Amino acid sequence: MNFGNQRVWNFLLIVVGATFFWTFAKFTAEAFHYRSYSQKAQAKVLNWQIVETKNDEFKILATYQFEVKGAVFHSSHLFSDQTFHNRYAAEEVQDSFKKKNWTAWYRNTTPPKSTLSRTYPFKSLFYALISGAVFIYFFWLRYYLRQKKYF
């Protein structure tokens, strides 16, 4: 077995394995965040704003309130997944948002922590599955090549 090849394979497995564990940890954290906001209540949006970010991009900010067991909670939500390159595009989407009925998703233990958008982290799941498959493939390939005495 060539020591140089051994180093290359070890480095490759460490990099691919670290990538897999990073994407899996990210997916786990996002899935936990998704599941923790399990309760919902009807939200009344009090104010809509368009906020300009550092990169000359625009995002929509909603200030809302909702009621849980007689207590009224106020919060705000920045729609960070939707970015606009000009104010007019943001205003069009904001007008469509004003017509919607909104649901506030909150944690049962801490209702003040809430959100207006709750989406499952499919993208992170996909990345974790792909990086896991690549890790398993390289692990298997190293085993196969050792059995055939290629290194």
Protein backbone atom coordinates (compact mmCIF):
# COMPACT_ATOMS: atom_id res chain seq x y z
CA MET A 1 0.00 0.00 0.00
CA ASN A 2 1.34 3.38 -1.00
CA PHE A 3 1.48 5.82 1.94
CA GLY A 4 0.74 8.80 -0.36
CA ASN A 5 -2.47 7.18 -1.61
CA GLN A 6 -3.46 6.41 1.96
CA ARG A 7 -3.11 10.08 2.88
CA VAL A 8 -5.19 11.18 -0.10
CA TRP A 9 -7.98 8.75 0.73
CA ASN A 10 -7.96 9.72 4.40
CA PHE A 11 -8.11 13.41 3.49
CA LEU A 12 -10.92 12.77 0.99
CA LEU A 13 -12.94 10.78 3.50
CA ILE A 14 -12.46 13.42 6.19
CA VAL A 15 -13.60 16.23 3.88
CA VAL A 16 -16.60 14.33 2.52
CA GLY A 17 -17.50 13.02 5.98
CA ALA A 18 -17.28 16.49 7.52
CA THR A 19 -19.48 17.84 4.73
CA PHE A 20 -22.04 15.11 5.37
CA PHE A 21 -22.09 15.68 9.12
CA TRP A 22 -22.34 19.46 8.65
CA THR A 23 -25.31 19.20 6.25
CA PHE A 24 -26.98 16.59 8.47
CA ALA A 25 -26.55 18.78 11.56
CA LYS A 26 -27.96 21.77 9.67
CA PHE A 27 -30.98 19.75 8.55
CA THR A 28 -31.52 18.44 12.09
CA ALA A 29 -31.46 21.95 13.55
CA GLU A 30 -33.87 23.28 10.89
CA ALA A 31 -36.22 20.30 11.32
CA PHE A 32 -36.23 20.84 15.09
CA HIS A 33 -37.01 24.51 14.53
CA TYR A 34 -39.85 23.54 12.18
CA ARG A 35 -41.35 21.05 14.63
CA SER A 36 -41.00 23.35 17.64
CA TYR A 37 -43.45 25.85 16.11
CA SER A 38 -46.31 23.36 16.32
CA GLN A 39 -49.18 25.53 17.62
CA LYS A 40 -51.06 27.99 15.50
CA ALA A 41 -53.41 30.91 15.95
CA GLN A 42 -55.10 33.41 13.66
CA ALA A 43 -52.84 36.42 13.21
CA LYS A 44 -53.87 40.01 12.57
CA VAL A 45 -51.19 41.93 10.69
CA LEU A 46 -50.99 45.45 12.08
CA ASN A 47 -48.34 46.95 9.84
CA TRP A 48 -46.49 46.13 6.62
CA GLN A 49 -43.11 47.64 5.82
CA ILE A 50 -40.53 47.31 3.08
CA VAL A 51 -37.03 47.22 4.51
CA GLU A 52 -33.89 47.94 2.52
CA THR A 53 -30.93 45.69 3.33
CA LYS A 54 -27.21 46.41 3.06
CA ASN A 55 -26.97 44.94 -0.44
CA ASP A 56 -29.54 47.32 -1.95
CA GLU A 57 -32.16 44.58 -1.74
CA PHE A 58 -35.65 44.86 -0.30
CA LYS A 59 -37.53 42.58 2.08
CA ILE A 60 -41.00 42.65 3.58
CA LEU A 61 -41.50 43.09 7.31
CA ALA A 62 -44.84 42.36 8.97
CA THR A 63 -45.82 43.41 12.49
CA TYR A 64 -48.67 41.28 13.82
CA GLN A 65 -50.57 40.17 16.87
CA PHE A 66 -52.29 36.95 17.86
CA GLU A 67 -54.16 35.63 20.85
CA VAL A 68 -53.43 32.52 22.88
CA LYS A 69 -55.67 31.58 25.83
CA GLY A 70 -56.82 35.16 26.30
CA ALA A 71 -53.33 36.69 26.17
CA VAL A 72 -52.43 38.91 23.21
CA PHE A 73 -48.90 38.66 21.83
CA HIS A 74 -47.19 41.08 19.45
CA SER A 75 -44.36 40.12 17.14
CA SER A 76 -42.77 40.89 13.80
CA HIS A 77 -41.63 38.71 10.95
CA LEU A 78 -39.09 39.49 8.24
CA PHE A 79 -39.75 37.45 5.10
CA SER A 80 -36.06 36.70 4.60
CA ASP A 81 -36.64 33.98 2.02
CA GLN A 82 -38.05 36.55 -0.43
CA THR A 83 -35.60 39.17 -1.63
CA PHE A 84 -36.43 41.88 -4.17
CA HIS A 85 -34.06 43.97 -6.26
CA ASN A 86 -36.33 46.99 -6.38
CA ARG A 87 -38.97 48.56 -4.15
CA TYR A 88 -41.75 48.24 -6.74
CA ALA A 89 -41.50 44.46 -6.91
CA ALA A 90 -41.60 44.29 -3.11
CA GLU A 91 -44.66 46.55 -3.05
CA GLU A 92 -46.50 44.26 -5.49
CA VAL A 93 -45.87 41.22 -3.32
CA GLN A 94 -46.70 43.22 -0.22
CA ASP A 95 -50.10 44.12 -1.74
CA SER A 96 -50.81 40.44 -2.38
CA PHE A 97 -49.73 39.62 1.20
CA LYS A 98 -52.21 42.17 2.56
CA LYS A 99 -55.10 40.23 1.02
CA LYS A 100 -54.14 36.94 2.71
CA ASN A 101 -55.31 35.56 6.03
CA TRP A 102 -52.23 34.85 8.12
CA THR A 103 -51.55 32.18 10.72
CA ALA A 104 -49.05 32.72 13.51
CA TRP A 105 -47.07 29.60 14.35
CA TYR A 106 -45.74 29.59 17.90
CA ARG A 107 -44.10 27.37 20.46
CA ASN A 108 -46.44 25.90 23.03
CA THR A 109 -44.04 26.70 25.88
CA THR A 110 -43.12 30.22 24.70
CA PRO A 111 -45.91 31.83 22.65
CA PRO A 112 -44.08 35.18 22.22
CA LYS A 113 -41.64 33.35 19.91
CA SER A 114 -43.65 33.05 16.72
CA THR A 115 -43.44 33.19 12.95
CA LEU A 116 -45.76 33.76 10.00
CA SER A 117 -44.03 31.33 7.67
CA ARG A 118 -43.31 27.74 8.55
CA THR A 119 -41.73 25.66 5.79
CA TYR A 120 -40.16 22.22 6.01
CA PRO A 121 -36.39 22.27 5.25
CA PHE A 122 -36.53 20.12 2.11
CA LYS A 123 -33.45 21.78 0.63
CA SER A 124 -31.33 20.92 3.68
CA LEU A 125 -32.70 17.37 3.67
CA PHE A 126 -31.77 17.00 0.00
CA TYR A 127 -28.22 18.27 0.64
CA ALA A 128 -27.83 15.92 3.61
CA LEU A 129 -29.00 12.93 1.56
CA ILE A 130 -26.73 13.76 -1.38
CA SER A 131 -23.66 14.34 0.80
CA GLY A 132 -24.45 11.15 2.72
CA ALA A 133 -24.64 9.18 -0.52
CA VAL A 134 -21.30 10.64 -1.67
CA PHE A 135 -19.72 9.77 1.69
CA ILE A 136 -21.00 6.17 1.54
CA TYR A 137 -19.84 5.86 -2.08
CA PHE A 138 -16.27 6.98 -1.29
CA PHE A 139 -16.16 4.82 1.82
CA TRP A 140 -17.30 1.80 -0.20
CA LEU A 141 -14.87 2.65 -3.05
CA ARG A 142 -11.95 2.76 -0.64
CA TYR A 143 -12.95 -0.62 0.79
CA TYR A 144 -13.37 -2.10 -2.72
CA LEU A 145 -10.00 -0.82 -3.91
CA ARG A 146 -8.28 -2.21 -0.80
CA GLN A 147 -9.83 -5.63 -1.44
CA LYS A 148 -8.54 -5.58 -5.03
CA LYS A 149 -5.11 -4.48 -3.74
CA TYR A 150 -5.04 -1.31 -5.87
CA PHE A 151 -3.38 0.55 -3.03
